[in-house]
Each structure stands twice: as structure tokens, then as C-alpha cells.
Amino acid sequence: MANKEFFSINGEGLLKKVKELIAEGNVTRITIADKEGKEIAGFPLTLGVVGVLLMPMFAAVGAIAALIGECTIIVERHDENNENTTT
């Protein structure tokens, strides 16, 4: 099960925030939506993704940041508590 967080941010800070979220390590998906809530782009993240594989995503996020003003980042995080429970 994934937990979702929402961050409202302007285009200038978009790439920086995405990099910060990825560095945290427990993010499974990042979605970028415009101020009306329409999804612009979504990026699934898996464990073990390294810098070279992230470069195309950073380029796409940078292009979105250049074109958009205000947006929302929707972050899905892996819920470790549910993973540890047994049935």
C-alpha cells in the first residue's frame, strides 16, 4: 500500500524538489499535475534506480518546469508498516 503526499510548487523549484524526494529513497512514484489537477507526467521509481537512469527523467522534469507556472507534485511512498505485517 502506498501513502500519498501533495506538494504545491512553482516551476522554478520543481526539479530541485523532485531530486530531494528521490534522495529520500522511499518514493515509488512521482506525478506532476497542473494547478487544475490534470496529470502532466508520471514517473515510477523502483529501488536501485541510479543516476544514469534518472537523467532522462530529470530532463523531462526540467522541460516541464520551464513551461509550467504553478503545479502540484503527488508523491507515492511505499508503506513499510503494511509490508511487515503477516496474515
Protein backbone atom coordinates (compact mmCIF):
# COMPACT_ATOMS: atom_id res chain seq x y z
CA MET A 1 0.00 0.00 0.00
CA ALA A 2 1.27 3.47 -0.83
CA ASN A 3 0.86 6.72 1.05
CA LYS A 4 0.34 9.89 -0.99
CA GLU A 5 1.66 13.36 -0.26
CA PHE A 6 0.91 16.54 -2.20
CA PHE A 7 3.29 19.48 -2.67
CA SER A 8 2.26 22.72 -4.38
CA ILE A 9 5.27 24.29 -6.03
CA ASN A 10 6.19 26.74 -8.77
CA GLY A 11 8.01 25.64 -11.91
CA GLU A 12 11.35 27.07 -10.75
CA GLY A 13 11.54 24.77 -7.72
CA LEU A 14 10.12 21.68 -9.42
CA LEU A 15 13.36 19.95 -10.41
CA LYS A 16 15.01 20.67 -7.05
CA LYS A 17 12.04 19.23 -5.13
CA VAL A 18 11.91 16.11 -7.32
CA LYS A 19 15.62 15.50 -6.71
CA GLU A 20 15.11 15.92 -2.95
CA LEU A 21 12.24 13.45 -2.95
CA ILE A 22 14.22 10.84 -4.88
CA ALA A 23 17.16 11.24 -2.49
CA GLU A 24 14.86 10.27 0.41
CA GLY A 25 14.73 6.79 -1.07
CA ASN A 26 11.24 5.54 -0.19
CA VAL A 27 9.38 7.18 -3.09
CA THR A 28 7.72 4.74 -5.50
CA ARG A 29 6.07 7.20 -7.91
CA ILE A 30 6.13 10.92 -8.63
CA THR A 31 3.30 12.54 -10.56
CA ILE A 32 3.26 16.16 -11.72
CA ALA A 33 -0.14 17.80 -12.13
CA ASP A 34 -1.10 21.30 -13.25
CA LYS A 35 -2.92 23.70 -10.94
CA GLU A 36 -6.30 22.31 -12.09
CA GLY A 37 -5.22 18.81 -11.04
CA LYS A 38 -4.70 17.40 -14.55
CA GLU A 39 -1.78 14.95 -14.67
CA ILE A 40 1.06 16.22 -16.85
CA ALA A 41 3.62 13.48 -16.23
CA GLY A 42 4.15 10.47 -14.01
CA PHE A 43 7.40 8.73 -13.17
CA PRO A 44 7.51 5.33 -11.48
CA LEU A 45 10.59 4.80 -9.34
CA THR A 46 11.99 1.44 -8.33
CA LEU A 47 14.56 0.50 -5.75
CA GLY A 48 18.06 0.60 -7.14
CA VAL A 49 17.47 3.33 -9.71
CA VAL A 50 20.79 5.12 -10.20
CA GLY A 51 21.88 8.46 -11.62
CA VAL A 52 22.28 7.44 -15.28
CA LEU A 53 18.76 6.05 -15.36
CA LEU A 54 17.36 9.20 -13.73
CA MET A 55 18.89 11.61 -16.26
CA PRO A 56 16.05 11.30 -18.84
CA MET A 57 13.51 11.88 -16.07
CA PHE A 58 15.38 14.96 -14.84
CA ALA A 59 15.46 16.31 -18.40
CA ALA A 60 11.70 15.82 -18.72
CA VAL A 61 11.04 17.47 -15.35
CA GLY A 62 13.29 20.38 -16.34
CA ALA A 63 11.33 20.86 -19.57
CA ILE A 64 8.03 20.78 -17.65
CA ALA A 65 9.40 23.31 -15.16
CA ALA A 66 10.30 25.67 -17.99
CA LEU A 67 6.77 25.51 -19.42
CA ILE A 68 4.59 25.49 -16.34
CA GLY A 69 3.98 28.04 -13.64
CA GLU A 70 2.28 26.53 -10.63
CA CYS A 71 1.94 22.77 -10.22
CA THR A 72 1.40 20.00 -7.71
CA ILE A 73 3.76 17.10 -7.08
CA ILE A 74 1.98 13.95 -5.96
CA VAL A 75 4.37 11.61 -4.19
CA GLU A 76 3.59 7.96 -3.51
CA ARG A 77 5.69 6.35 -0.82
CA HIS A 78 5.98 2.68 -0.02
CA ASP A 79 4.24 1.95 3.27
CA GLU A 80 6.75 -0.21 5.14
CA ASN A 81 4.37 -0.85 8.06
CA ASN A 82 1.94 -2.87 5.90
CA GLU A 83 4.80 -4.87 4.39
CA ASN A 84 5.93 -6.15 7.78
CA THR A 85 2.54 -7.49 8.87
CA THR A 86 1.77 -11.15 8.29
CA THR A 87 -1.57 -12.83 7.80
